[in-house]
Amino acid sequence: MSRSDIPAWMGEDAFNEYLRCFRDPATIHSNCEDYRAAASIDMKHDQEDLARKIVCPLLALWGERGALQRMFDVLASWRERAADVRGKPLPGRHFLPEEVPDETLAELQMFLNS
């Protein structure tokens, strides 16, 4: 892997850590299991909980250039499921802590201090 393969927004240390983790078969297995659960037991659990709302404050952050923004209204969707929803899109795609670390940290600090 050459340095030119590393996304400019990620940095070499973070990129190398992703490579280290994703070269481990146990990591790949756990990621696959997470997606498998989302398509099975998570849906069952969601159905069981539809009549209840999450009561603790909830922060939703997503990338304004990512897929979620184009697919649905993120805050409106979460407001159907939670009583106190805050959040907004940040100027990134998918890896917000790596792409926009300062903005991500600022939103987390504001939320946790409120």
PDB file of N, CA and C in Angstrom:
ATOM      1  N   MET A   1       0.858  -1.165   0.000  1.00  0.00           N
ATOM      2  CA  MET A   1       0.000   0.000   0.000  1.00  0.00           C
ATOM      3  C   MET A   1       0.908   1.233   0.000  1.00  0.00           C
ATOM      4  N   SER A   2       0.703   2.101  -0.943  1.00  0.00           N
ATOM      5  CA  SER A   2       1.544   3.295  -1.010  1.00  0.00           C
ATOM      6  C   SER A   2       0.855   4.455  -0.300  1.00  0.00           C
ATOM      7  N   ARG A   3       1.620   5.431   0.041  1.00  0.00           N
ATOM      8  CA  ARG A   3       1.106   6.618   0.729  1.00  0.00           C
ATOM      9  C   ARG A   3       0.013   7.306  -0.091  1.00  0.00           C
ATOM     10  N   SER A   4       0.087   7.202  -1.417  1.00  0.00           N
ATOM     11  CA  SER A   4      -0.922   7.854  -2.267  1.00  0.00           C
ATOM     12  C   SER A   4      -2.277   7.151  -2.179  1.00  0.00           C
ATOM     13  N   ASP A   5      -2.311   5.924  -1.626  1.00  0.00           N
ATOM     14  CA  ASP A   5      -3.573   5.199  -1.454  1.00  0.00           C
ATOM     15  C   ASP A   5      -4.341   5.669  -0.216  1.00  0.00           C
ATOM     16  N   ILE A   6      -3.708   6.413   0.640  1.00  0.00           N
ATOM     17  CA  ILE A   6      -4.327   6.849   1.890  1.00  0.00           C
ATOM     18  C   ILE A   6      -5.185   8.082   1.619  1.00  0.00           C
ATOM     19  N   PRO A   7      -6.473   8.027   1.972  1.00  0.00           N
ATOM     20  CA  PRO A   7      -7.313   9.217   1.779  1.00  0.00           C
ATOM     21  C   PRO A   7      -6.730  10.411   2.536  1.00  0.00           C
ATOM     22  N   ALA A   8      -6.716  11.559   1.908  1.00  0.00           N
ATOM     23  CA  ALA A   8      -6.111  12.756   2.499  1.00  0.00           C
ATOM     24  C   ALA A   8      -6.747  13.111   3.841  1.00  0.00           C
ATOM     25  N   TRP A   9      -8.050  12.875   3.976  1.00  0.00           N
ATOM     26  CA  TRP A   9      -8.751  13.253   5.197  1.00  0.00           C
ATOM     27  C   TRP A   9      -8.489  12.286   6.350  1.00  0.00           C
ATOM     28  N   MET A  10      -7.940  11.106   6.070  1.00  0.00           N
ATOM     29  CA  MET A  10      -7.796  10.114   7.125  1.00  0.00           C
ATOM     30  C   MET A  10      -6.459  10.197   7.844  1.00  0.00           C
ATOM     31  N   GLY A  11      -5.395  10.341   7.143  1.00  0.00           N
ATOM     32  CA  GLY A  11      -4.080  10.342   7.769  1.00  0.00           C
ATOM     33  C   GLY A  11      -3.521   8.938   7.862  1.00  0.00           C
ATOM     34  N   GLU A  12      -2.218   8.862   7.865  1.00  0.00           N
ATOM     35  CA  GLU A  12      -1.530   7.578   7.799  1.00  0.00           C
ATOM     36  C   GLU A  12      -1.777   6.706   9.031  1.00  0.00           C
ATOM     37  N   ASP A  13      -1.759   7.289  10.229  1.00  0.00           N
ATOM     38  CA  ASP A  13      -1.950   6.490  11.445  1.00  0.00           C
ATOM     39  C   ASP A  13      -3.331   5.839  11.485  1.00  0.00           C
ATOM     40  N   ALA A  14      -4.370   6.612  11.215  1.00  0.00           N
ATOM     41  CA  ALA A  14      -5.723   6.056  11.233  1.00  0.00           C
ATOM     42  C   ALA A  14      -5.894   5.012  10.135  1.00  0.00           C
ATOM     43  N   PHE A  15      -5.358   5.282   8.961  1.00  0.00           N
ATOM     44  CA  PHE A  15      -5.463   4.339   7.852  1.00  0.00           C
ATOM     45  C   PHE A  15      -4.783   3.013   8.200  1.00  0.00           C
ATOM     46  N   ASN A  16      -3.604   3.095   8.771  1.00  0.00           N
ATOM     47  CA  ASN A  16      -2.888   1.885   9.157  1.00  0.00           C
ATOM     48  C   ASN A  16      -3.641   1.103  10.235  1.00  0.00           C
ATOM     49  N   GLU A  17      -4.301   1.800  11.112  1.00  0.00           N
ATOM     50  CA  GLU A  17      -5.101   1.114  12.137  1.00  0.00           C
ATOM     51  C   GLU A  17      -6.299   0.407  11.506  1.00  0.00           C
ATOM     52  N   TYR A  18      -6.968   1.041  10.549  1.00  0.00           N
ATOM     53  CA  TYR A  18      -8.045   0.361   9.830  1.00  0.00           C
ATOM     54  C   TYR A  18      -7.508  -0.891   9.133  1.00  0.00           C
ATOM     55  N   LEU A  19      -6.377  -0.775   8.468  1.00  0.00           N
ATOM     56  CA  LEU A  19      -5.796  -1.937   7.794  1.00  0.00           C
ATOM     57  C   LEU A  19      -5.470  -3.043   8.792  1.00  0.00           C
ATOM     58  N   ARG A  20      -4.868  -2.670   9.903  1.00  0.00           N
ATOM     59  CA  ARG A  20      -4.520  -3.672  10.916  1.00  0.00           C
ATOM     60  C   ARG A  20      -5.769  -4.422  11.370  1.00  0.00           C
ATOM     61  N   CYS A  21      -6.821  -3.700  11.665  1.00  0.00           N
ATOM     62  CA  CYS A  21      -8.048  -4.323  12.153  1.00  0.00           C
ATOM     63  C   CYS A  21      -8.729  -5.165  11.089  1.00  0.00           C
ATOM     64  N   PHE A  22      -8.818  -4.645   9.881  1.00  0.00           N
ATOM     65  CA  PHE A  22      -9.550  -5.359   8.839  1.00  0.00           C
ATOM     66  C   PHE A  22      -8.743  -6.477   8.186  1.00  0.00           C
ATOM     67  N   ARG A  23      -7.517  -6.636   8.584  1.00  0.00           N
ATOM     68  CA  ARG A  23      -6.749  -7.818   8.163  1.00  0.00           C
ATOM     69  C   ARG A  23      -6.965  -8.990   9.116  1.00  0.00           C
ATOM     70  N   ASP A  24      -7.643  -8.737  10.213  1.00  0.00           N
ATOM     71  CA  ASP A  24      -7.935  -9.768  11.208  1.00  0.00           C
ATOM     72  C   ASP A  24      -9.254 -10.450  10.837  1.00  0.00           C
ATOM     73  N   PRO A  25      -9.241 -11.748  10.568  1.00  0.00           N
ATOM     74  CA  PRO A  25     -10.483 -12.443  10.203  1.00  0.00           C
ATOM     75  C   PRO A  25     -11.586 -12.295  11.253  1.00  0.00           C
ATOM     76  N   ALA A  26     -11.234 -12.173  12.519  1.00  0.00           N
ATOM     77  CA  ALA A  26     -12.250 -11.996  13.564  1.00  0.00           C
ATOM     78  C   ALA A  26     -12.968 -10.655  13.397  1.00  0.00           C
ATOM     79  N   THR A  27     -12.263  -9.638  12.958  1.00  0.00           N
ATOM     80  CA  THR A  27     -12.891  -8.338  12.705  1.00  0.00           C
ATOM     81  C   THR A  27     -13.873  -8.439  11.552  1.00  0.00           C
ATOM     82  N   ILE A  28     -13.467  -9.068  10.487  1.00  0.00           N
ATOM     83  CA  ILE A  28     -14.359  -9.236   9.334  1.00  0.00           C
ATOM     84  C   ILE A  28     -15.581 -10.048   9.750  1.00  0.00           C
ATOM     85  N   HIS A  29     -15.378 -11.096  10.511  1.00  0.00           N
ATOM     86  CA  HIS A  29     -16.494 -11.919  10.976  1.00  0.00           C
ATOM     87  C   HIS A  29     -17.471 -11.089  11.812  1.00  0.00           C
ATOM     88  N   SER A  30     -16.953 -10.312  12.739  1.00  0.00           N
ATOM     89  CA  SER A  30     -17.838  -9.511  13.599  1.00  0.00           C
ATOM     90  C   SER A  30     -18.587  -8.454  12.797  1.00  0.00           C
ATOM     91  N   ASN A  31     -17.947  -7.878  11.799  1.00  0.00           N
ATOM     92  CA  ASN A  31     -18.647  -6.916  10.936  1.00  0.00           C
ATOM     93  C   ASN A  31     -19.771  -7.592  10.171  1.00  0.00           C
ATOM     94  N   CYS A  32     -19.502  -8.767   9.650  1.00  0.00           N
ATOM     95  CA  CYS A  32     -20.545  -9.512   8.923  1.00  0.00           C
ATOM     96  C   CYS A  32     -21.695  -9.870   9.865  1.00  0.00           C
ATOM     97  N   GLU A  33     -21.384 -10.256  11.090  1.00  0.00           N
ATOM     98  CA  GLU A  33     -22.425 -10.594  12.062  1.00  0.00           C
ATOM     99  C   GLU A  33     -23.281  -9.372  12.400  1.00  0.00           C
ATOM    100  N   ASP A  34     -22.665  -8.199  12.460  1.00  0.00           N
ATOM    101  CA  ASP A  34     -23.428  -6.975  12.725  1.00  0.00           C
ATOM    102  C   ASP A  34     -24.424  -6.710  11.605  1.00  0.00           C
ATOM    103  N   TYR A  35     -23.989  -6.833  10.367  1.00  0.00           N
ATOM    104  CA  TYR A  35     -24.896  -6.650   9.232  1.00  0.00           C
ATOM    105  C   TYR A  35     -25.967  -7.742   9.195  1.00  0.00           C
ATOM    106  N   ARG A  36     -25.584  -8.965   9.535  1.00  0.00           N
ATOM    107  CA  ARG A  36     -26.544 -10.068   9.552  1.00  0.00           C
ATOM    108  C   ARG A  36     -27.625  -9.795  10.605  1.00  0.00           C
ATOM    109  N   ALA A  37     -27.226  -9.312  11.770  1.00  0.00           N
ATOM    110  CA  ALA A  37     -28.199  -8.988  12.820  1.00  0.00           C
ATOM    111  C   ALA A  37     -29.143  -7.881  12.366  1.00  0.00           C
ATOM    112  N   ALA A  38     -28.610  -6.900  11.652  1.00  0.00           N
ATOM    113  CA  ALA A  38     -29.449  -5.795  11.177  1.00  0.00           C
ATOM    114  C   ALA A  38     -30.546  -6.283  10.244  1.00  0.00           C
ATOM    115  N   ALA A  39     -30.291  -7.381   9.549  1.00  0.00           N
ATOM    116  CA  ALA A  39     -31.273  -7.924   8.598  1.00  0.00           C
ATOM    117  C   ALA A  39     -32.119  -9.030   9.224  1.00  0.00           C
ATOM    118  N   SER A  40     -31.961  -9.266  10.514  1.00  0.00           N
ATOM    119  CA  SER A  40     -32.719 -10.347  11.142  1.00  0.00           C
ATOM    120  C   SER A  40     -33.207  -9.945  12.527  1.00  0.00           C
ATOM    121  N   ILE A  41     -32.474 -10.288  13.561  1.00  0.00           N
ATOM    122  CA  ILE A  41     -32.942 -10.091  14.940  1.00  0.00           C
ATOM    123  C   ILE A  41     -33.169  -8.616  15.274  1.00  0.00           C
ATOM    124  N   ASP A  42     -32.373  -7.722  14.725  1.00  0.00           N
ATOM    125  CA  ASP A  42     -32.584  -6.293  14.986  1.00  0.00           C
ATOM    126  C   ASP A  42     -33.965  -5.850  14.507  1.00  0.00           C
ATOM    127  N   MET A  43     -34.415  -6.374  13.387  1.00  0.00           N
ATOM    128  CA  MET A  43     -35.733  -6.008  12.874  1.00  0.00           C
ATOM    129  C   MET A  43     -36.830  -6.522  13.816  1.00  0.00           C
ATOM    130  N   LYS A  44     -36.663  -7.711  14.350  1.00  0.00           N
ATOM    131  CA  LYS A  44     -37.620  -8.267  15.317  1.00  0.00           C
ATOM    132  C   LYS A  44     -37.658  -7.386  16.568  1.00  0.00           C
ATOM    133  N   HIS A  45     -36.492  -7.019  17.068  1.00  0.00           N
ATOM    134  CA  HIS A  45     -36.423  -6.162  18.256  1.00  0.00           C
ATOM    135  C   HIS A  45     -37.060  -4.802  17.988  1.00  0.00           C
ATOM    136  N   ASP A  46     -36.829  -4.256  16.816  1.00  0.00           N
ATOM    137  CA  ASP A  46     -37.452  -2.980  16.455  1.00  0.00           C
ATOM    138  C   ASP A  46     -38.976  -3.089  16.496  1.00  0.00           C
ATOM    139  N   GLN A  47     -39.506  -4.149  15.948  1.00  0.00           N
ATOM    140  CA  GLN A  47     -40.963  -4.347  15.955  1.00  0.00           C
ATOM    141  C   GLN A  47     -41.494  -4.419  17.384  1.00  0.00           C
ATOM    142  N   GLU A  48     -40.773  -5.103  18.253  1.00  0.00           N
ATOM    143  CA  GLU A  48     -41.196  -5.242  19.645  1.00  0.00           C
ATOM    144  C   GLU A  48     -41.173  -3.905  20.384  1.00  0.00           C
ATOM    145  N   ASP A  49     -40.340  -2.979  19.950  1.00  0.00           N
ATOM    146  CA  ASP A  49     -40.170  -1.701  20.648  1.00  0.00           C
ATOM    147  C   ASP A  49     -40.908  -0.533  20.001  1.00  0.00           C
ATOM    148  N   LEU A  50     -41.638  -0.761  18.937  1.00  0.00           N
ATOM    149  CA  LEU A  50     -42.269   0.346  18.206  1.00  0.00           C
ATOM    150  C   LEU A  50     -43.200   1.191  19.063  1.00  0.00           C
ATOM    151  N   ALA A  51     -43.830   0.613  20.045  1.00  0.00           N
ATOM    152  CA  ALA A  51     -44.776   1.359  20.877  1.00  0.00           C
ATOM    153  C   ALA A  51     -44.086   2.200  21.950  1.00  0.00           C
ATOM    154  N   ARG A  52     -42.776   2.010  22.111  1.00  0.00           N
ATOM    155  CA  ARG A  52     -42.032   2.757  23.136  1.00  0.00           C
ATOM    156  C   ARG A  52     -41.060   3.718  22.470  1.00  0.00           C
ATOM    157  N   LYS A  53     -40.879   4.867  23.129  1.00  0.00           N
ATOM    158  CA  LYS A  53     -39.888   5.828  22.632  1.00  0.00           C
ATOM    159  C   LYS A  53     -38.655   5.800  23.526  1.00  0.00           C
ATOM    160  N   ILE A  54     -37.515   6.026  22.933  1.00  0.00           N
ATOM    161  CA  ILE A  54     -36.272   6.190  23.680  1.00  0.00           C
ATOM    162  C   ILE A  54     -36.436   7.457  24.508  1.00  0.00           C
ATOM    163  N   VAL A  55     -36.162   7.389  25.804  1.00  0.00           N
ATOM    164  CA  VAL A  55     -36.412   8.550  26.663  1.00  0.00           C
ATOM    165  C   VAL A  55     -35.166   9.376  26.952  1.00  0.00           C
ATOM    166  N   CYS A  56     -33.982   8.807  26.796  1.00  0.00           N
ATOM    167  CA  CYS A  56     -32.777   9.602  27.037  1.00  0.00           C
ATOM    168  C   CYS A  56     -32.498  10.459  25.806  1.00  0.00           C
ATOM    169  N   PRO A  57     -31.802  11.576  25.983  1.00  0.00           N
ATOM    170  CA  PRO A  57     -31.451  12.411  24.829  1.00  0.00           C
ATOM    171  C   PRO A  57     -30.631  11.609  23.811  1.00  0.00           C
ATOM    172  N   LEU A  58     -30.876  11.896  22.550  1.00  0.00           N
ATOM    173  CA  LEU A  58     -30.229  11.162  21.463  1.00  0.00           C
ATOM    174  C   LEU A  58     -29.584  12.161  20.506  1.00  0.00           C
ATOM    175  N   LEU A  59     -28.334  11.929  20.162  1.00  0.00           N
ATOM    176  CA  LEU A  59     -27.614  12.765  19.204  1.00  0.00           C
ATOM    177  C   LEU A  59     -27.411  11.978  17.916  1.00  0.00           C
ATOM    178  N   ALA A  60     -27.864  12.533  16.829  1.00  0.00           N
ATOM    179  CA  ALA A  60     -27.675  11.915  15.508  1.00  0.00           C
ATOM    180  C   ALA A  60     -26.788  12.831  14.676  1.00  0.00           C
ATOM    181  N   LEU A  61     -25.663  12.308  14.246  1.00  0.00           N
ATOM    182  CA  LEU A  61     -24.751  13.031  13.353  1.00  0.00           C
ATOM    183  C   LEU A  61     -24.536  12.162  12.130  1.00  0.00           C
ATOM    184  N   TRP A  62     -24.509  12.785  10.971  1.00  0.00           N
ATOM    185  CA  TRP A  62     -24.308  12.045   9.732  1.00  0.00           C
ATOM    186  C   TRP A  62     -23.594  12.950   8.741  1.00  0.00           C
ATOM    187  N   GLY A  63     -23.035  12.352   7.716  1.00  0.00           N
ATOM    188  CA  GLY A  63     -22.294  13.102   6.704  1.00  0.00           C
ATOM    189  C   GLY A  63     -23.224  13.736   5.687  1.00  0.00           C
ATOM    190  N   GLU A  64     -23.080  15.023   5.485  1.00  0.00           N
ATOM    191  CA  GLU A  64     -23.956  15.710   4.517  1.00  0.00           C
ATOM    192  C   GLU A  64     -23.701  15.246   3.090  1.00  0.00           C
ATOM    193  N   ARG A  65     -22.535  14.643   2.849  1.00  0.00           N
ATOM    194  CA  ARG A  65     -22.246  14.108   1.518  1.00  0.00           C
ATOM    195  C   ARG A  65     -22.374  12.588   1.485  1.00  0.00           C
ATOM    196  N   GLY A  66     -22.965  12.027   2.519  1.00  0.00           N
ATOM    197  CA  GLY A  66     -23.158  10.584   2.591  1.00  0.00           C
ATOM    198  C   GLY A  66     -24.532  10.168   2.098  1.00  0.00           C
ATOM    199  N   ALA A  67     -24.794   8.886   2.177  1.00  0.00           N
ATOM    200  CA  ALA A  67     -26.032   8.315   1.639  1.00  0.00           C
ATOM    201  C   ALA A  67     -27.261   8.662   2.471  1.00  0.00           C
ATOM    202  N   LEU A  68     -27.125   8.764   3.786  1.00  0.00           N
ATOM    203  CA  LEU A  68     -28.311   8.990   4.626  1.00  0.00           C
ATOM    204  C   LEU A  68     -29.071  10.242   4.234  1.00  0.00           C
ATOM    205  N   GLN A  69     -28.355  11.297   3.976  1.00  0.00           N
ATOM    206  CA  GLN A  69     -28.969  12.585   3.620  1.00  0.00           C
ATOM    207  C   GLN A  69     -29.879  12.447   2.397  1.00  0.00           C
ATOM    208  N   ARG A  70     -29.469  11.605   1.462  1.00  0.00           N
ATOM    209  CA  ARG A  70     -30.246  11.421   0.236  1.00  0.00           C
ATOM    210  C   ARG A  70     -31.394  10.434   0.409  1.00  0.00           C
ATOM    211  N   MET A  71     -31.311   9.572   1.400  1.00  0.00           N
ATOM    212  CA  MET A  71     -32.279   8.493   1.551  1.00  0.00           C
ATOM    213  C   MET A  71     -33.518   8.889   2.355  1.00  0.00           C
ATOM    214  N   PHE A  72     -33.331   9.669   3.412  1.00  0.00           N
ATOM    215  CA  PHE A  72     -34.468  10.028   4.249  1.00  0.00           C
ATOM    216  C   PHE A  72     -34.113  11.192   5.157  1.00  0.00           C
ATOM    217  N   ASP A  73     -35.126  11.710   5.823  1.00  0.00           N
ATOM    218  CA  ASP A  73     -34.945  12.800   6.782  1.00  0.00           C
ATOM    219  C   ASP A  73     -34.507  12.176   8.108  1.00  0.00           C
ATOM    220  N   VAL A  74     -33.229  12.263   8.401  1.00  0.00           N
ATOM    221  CA  VAL A  74     -32.645  11.569   9.546  1.00  0.00           C
ATOM    222  C   VAL A  74     -33.315  11.990  10.852  1.00  0.00           C
ATOM    223  N   LEU A  75     -33.409  13.295  11.105  1.00  0.00           N
ATOM    224  CA  LEU A  75     -33.996  13.747  12.372  1.00  0.00           C
ATOM    225  C   LEU A  75     -35.464  13.373  12.485  1.00  0.00           C
ATOM    226  N   ALA A  76     -36.213  13.515  11.415  1.00  0.00           N
ATOM    227  CA  ALA A  76     -37.634  13.143  11.455  1.00  0.00           C
ATOM    228  C   ALA A  76     -37.789  11.661  11.755  1.00  0.00           C
ATOM    229  N   SER A  77     -36.943  10.836  11.179  1.00  0.00           N
ATOM    230  CA  SER A  77     -37.011   9.396  11.432  1.00  0.00           C
ATOM    231  C   SER A  77     -36.726   9.077  12.888  1.00  0.00           C
ATOM    232  N   TRP A  78     -35.710   9.703  13.455  1.00  0.00           N
ATOM    233  CA  TRP A  78     -35.387   9.439  14.856  1.00  0.00           C
ATOM    234  C   TRP A  78     -36.437  10.025  15.790  1.00  0.00           C
ATOM    235  N   ARG A  79     -37.055  11.119  15.417  1.00  0.00           N
ATOM    236  CA  ARG A  79     -38.089  11.708  16.275  1.00  0.00           C
ATOM    237  C   ARG A  79     -39.316  10.809  16.393  1.00  0.00           C
ATOM    238  N   GLU A  80     -39.499   9.919  15.458  1.00  0.00           N
ATOM    239  CA  GLU A  80     -40.568   8.920  15.577  1.00  0.00           C
ATOM    240  C   GLU A  80     -40.248   7.905  16.658  1.00  0.00           C
ATOM    241  N   ARG A  81     -38.975   7.764  16.992  1.00  0.00           N
ATOM    242  CA  ARG A  81     -38.536   6.720  17.920  1.00  0.00           C
ATOM    243  C   ARG A  81     -37.996   7.238  19.239  1.00  0.00           C
ATOM    244  N   ALA A  82     -37.749   8.551  19.341  1.00  0.00           N
ATOM    245  CA  ALA A  82     -37.136   9.097  20.555  1.00  0.00           C
ATOM    246  C   ALA A  82     -37.785  10.419  20.936  1.00  0.00           C
ATOM    247  N   ALA A  83     -37.807  10.682  22.237  1.00  0.00           N
ATOM    248  CA  ALA A  83     -38.465  11.881  22.750  1.00  0.00           C
ATOM    249  C   ALA A  83     -37.621  13.144  22.588  1.00  0.00           C
ATOM    250  N   ASP A  84     -36.308  13.026  22.667  1.00  0.00           N
ATOM    251  CA  ASP A  84     -35.417  14.194  22.618  1.00  0.00           C
ATOM    252  C   ASP A  84     -34.302  13.913  21.623  1.00  0.00           C
ATOM    253  N   VAL A  85     -34.488  14.367  20.405  1.00  0.00           N
ATOM    254  CA  VAL A  85     -33.520  14.114  19.339  1.00  0.00           C
ATOM    255  C   VAL A  85     -32.876  15.420  18.905  1.00  0.00           C
ATOM    256  N   ARG A  86     -31.562  15.406  18.856  1.00  0.00           N
ATOM    257  CA  ARG A  86     -30.805  16.554  18.363  1.00  0.00           C
ATOM    258  C   ARG A  86     -29.806  16.039  17.340  1.00  0.00           C
ATOM    259  N   GLY A  87     -29.354  16.914  16.492  1.00  0.00           N
ATOM    260  CA  GLY A  87     -28.328  16.505  15.552  1.00  0.00           C
ATOM    261  C   GLY A  87     -28.379  17.297  14.263  1.00  0.00           C
ATOM    262  N   LYS A  88     -27.439  16.948  13.406  1.00  0.00           N
ATOM    263  CA  LYS A  88     -27.340  17.643  12.121  1.00  0.00           C
ATOM    264  C   LYS A  88     -26.316  16.942  11.254  1.00  0.00           C
ATOM    265  N   PRO A  89     -26.331  17.247   9.975  1.00  0.00           N
ATOM    266  CA  PRO A  89     -25.279  16.705   9.118  1.00  0.00           C
ATOM    267  C   PRO A  89     -23.980  17.478   9.318  1.00  0.00           C
ATOM    268  N   LEU A  90     -22.883  16.780   9.203  1.00  0.00           N
ATOM    269  CA  LEU A  90     -21.563  17.402   9.255  1.00  0.00           C
ATOM    270  C   LEU A  90     -20.929  17.292   7.872  1.00  0.00           C
ATOM    271  N   PRO A  91     -19.984  18.167   7.556  1.00  0.00           N
ATOM    272  CA  PRO A  91     -19.418  18.213   6.198  1.00  0.00           C
ATOM    273  C   PRO A  91     -18.465  17.058   5.898  1.00  0.00           C
ATOM    274  N   GLY A  92     -19.024  15.866   5.874  1.00  0.00           N
ATOM    275  CA  GLY A  92     -18.238  14.685   5.559  1.00  0.00           C
ATOM    276  C   GLY A  92     -19.091  13.679   4.832  1.00  0.00           C
ATOM    277  N   ARG A  93     -18.610  12.459   4.800  1.00  0.00           N
ATOM    278  CA  ARG A  93     -19.342  11.380   4.140  1.00  0.00           C
ATOM    279  C   ARG A  93     -19.730  10.323   5.168  1.00  0.00           C
ATOM    280  N   HIS A  94     -18.798   9.443   5.532  1.00  0.00           N
ATOM    281  CA  HIS A  94     -19.116   8.298   6.379  1.00  0.00           C
ATOM    282  C   HIS A  94     -18.249   8.234   7.633  1.00  0.00           C
ATOM    283  N   PHE A  95     -17.010   8.606   7.537  1.00  0.00           N
ATOM    284  CA  PHE A  95     -16.054   8.490   8.637  1.00  0.00           C
ATOM    285  C   PHE A  95     -15.894   9.835   9.348  1.00  0.00           C
ATOM    286  N   LEU A  96     -16.939  10.298   9.995  1.00  0.00           N
ATOM    287  CA  LEU A  96     -16.931  11.643  10.562  1.00  0.00           C
ATOM    288  C   LEU A  96     -15.775  11.916  11.530  1.00  0.00           C
ATOM    289  N   PRO A  97     -15.459  11.013  12.463  1.00  0.00           N
ATOM    290  CA  PRO A  97     -14.338  11.321  13.363  1.00  0.00           C
ATOM    291  C   PRO A  97     -13.015  11.532  12.630  1.00  0.00           C
ATOM    292  N   GLU A  98     -12.835  10.848  11.505  1.00  0.00           N
ATOM    293  CA  GLU A  98     -11.600  11.008  10.743  1.00  0.00           C
ATOM    294  C   GLU A  98     -11.680  12.161   9.755  1.00  0.00           C
ATOM    295  N   GLU A  99     -12.844  12.350   9.129  1.00  0.00           N
ATOM    296  CA  GLU A  99     -12.996  13.384   8.102  1.00  0.00           C
ATOM    297  C   GLU A  99     -13.108  14.783   8.702  1.00  0.00           C
ATOM    298  N   VAL A 100     -13.904  14.907   9.740  1.00  0.00           N
ATOM    299  CA  VAL A 100     -14.146  16.220  10.356  1.00  0.00           C
ATOM    300  C   VAL A 100     -14.053  16.089  11.879  1.00  0.00           C
ATOM    301  N   PRO A 101     -12.852  15.794  12.393  1.00  0.00           N
ATOM    302  CA  PRO A 101     -12.709  15.529  13.830  1.00  0.00           C
ATOM    303  C   PRO A 101     -13.089  16.708  14.719  1.00  0.00           C
ATOM    304  N   ASP A 102     -12.730  17.918  14.327  1.00  0.00           N
ATOM    305  CA  ASP A 102     -13.037  19.076  15.173  1.00  0.00           C
ATOM    306  C   ASP A 102     -14.543  19.307  15.267  1.00  0.00           C
ATOM    307  N   GLU A 103     -15.240  19.202  14.141  1.00  0.00           N
ATOM    308  CA  GLU A 103     -16.689  19.395  14.129  1.00  0.00           C
ATOM    309  C   GLU A 103     -17.401  18.285  14.909  1.00  0.00           C
ATOM    310  N   THR A 104     -16.916  17.054  14.749  1.00  0.00           N
ATOM    311  CA  THR A 104     -17.506  15.928  15.467  1.00  0.00           C
ATOM    312  C   THR A 104     -17.330  16.108  16.967  1.00  0.00           C
ATOM    313  N   LEU A 105     -16.130  16.455  17.383  1.00  0.00           N
ATOM    314  CA  LEU A 105     -15.850  16.670  18.800  1.00  0.00           C
ATOM    315  C   LEU A 105     -16.694  17.813  19.362  1.00  0.00           C
ATOM    316  N   ALA A 106     -16.810  18.904  18.633  1.00  0.00           N
ATOM    317  CA  ALA A 106     -17.598  20.046  19.108  1.00  0.00           C
ATOM    318  C   ALA A 106     -19.061  19.657  19.329  1.00  0.00           C
ATOM    319  N   GLU A 107     -19.630  18.898  18.407  1.00  0.00           N
ATOM    320  CA  GLU A 107     -21.028  18.463  18.550  1.00  0.00           C
ATOM    321  C   GLU A 107     -21.190  17.517  19.735  1.00  0.00           C
ATOM    322  N   LEU A 108     -20.255  16.603  19.901  1.00  0.00           N
ATOM    323  CA  LEU A 108     -20.315  15.680  21.041  1.00  0.00           C
ATOM    324  C   LEU A 108     -20.193  16.419  22.368  1.00  0.00           C
ATOM    325  N   GLN A 109     -19.250  17.358  22.450  1.00  0.00           N
ATOM    326  CA  GLN A 109     -19.082  18.114  23.689  1.00  0.00           C
ATOM    327  C   GLN A 109     -20.322  18.936  24.009  1.00  0.00           C
ATOM    328  N   MET A 110     -20.898  19.588  23.004  1.00  0.00           N
ATOM    329  CA  MET A 110     -22.092  20.384  23.225  1.00  0.00           C
ATOM    330  C   MET A 110     -23.237  19.489  23.730  1.00  0.00           C
ATOM    331  N   PHE A 111     -23.401  18.345  23.106  1.00  0.00           N
ATOM    332  CA  PHE A 111     -24.461  17.419  23.492  1.00  0.00           C
ATOM    333  C   PHE A 111     -24.236  16.889  24.905  1.00  0.00           C
ATOM    334  N   LEU A 112     -23.016  16.441  25.200  1.00  0.00           N
ATOM    335  CA  LEU A 112     -22.746  15.860  26.508  1.00  0.00           C
ATOM    336  C   LEU A 112     -22.757  16.876  27.644  1.00  0.00           C
ATOM    337  N   ASN A 113     -22.509  18.128  27.333  1.00  0.00           N
ATOM    338  CA  ASN A 113     -22.543  19.182  28.352  1.00  0.00           C
ATOM    339  C   ASN A 113     -23.915  19.816  28.526  1.00  0.00           C
ATOM    340  N   SER A 114     -24.889  19.408  27.714  1.00  0.00           N
ATOM    341  CA  SER A 114     -26.211  20.022  27.816  1.00  0.00           C
ATOM    342  C   SER A 114     -27.091  19.305  28.829  1.00  0.00           C
TER     343      SER A 114
END
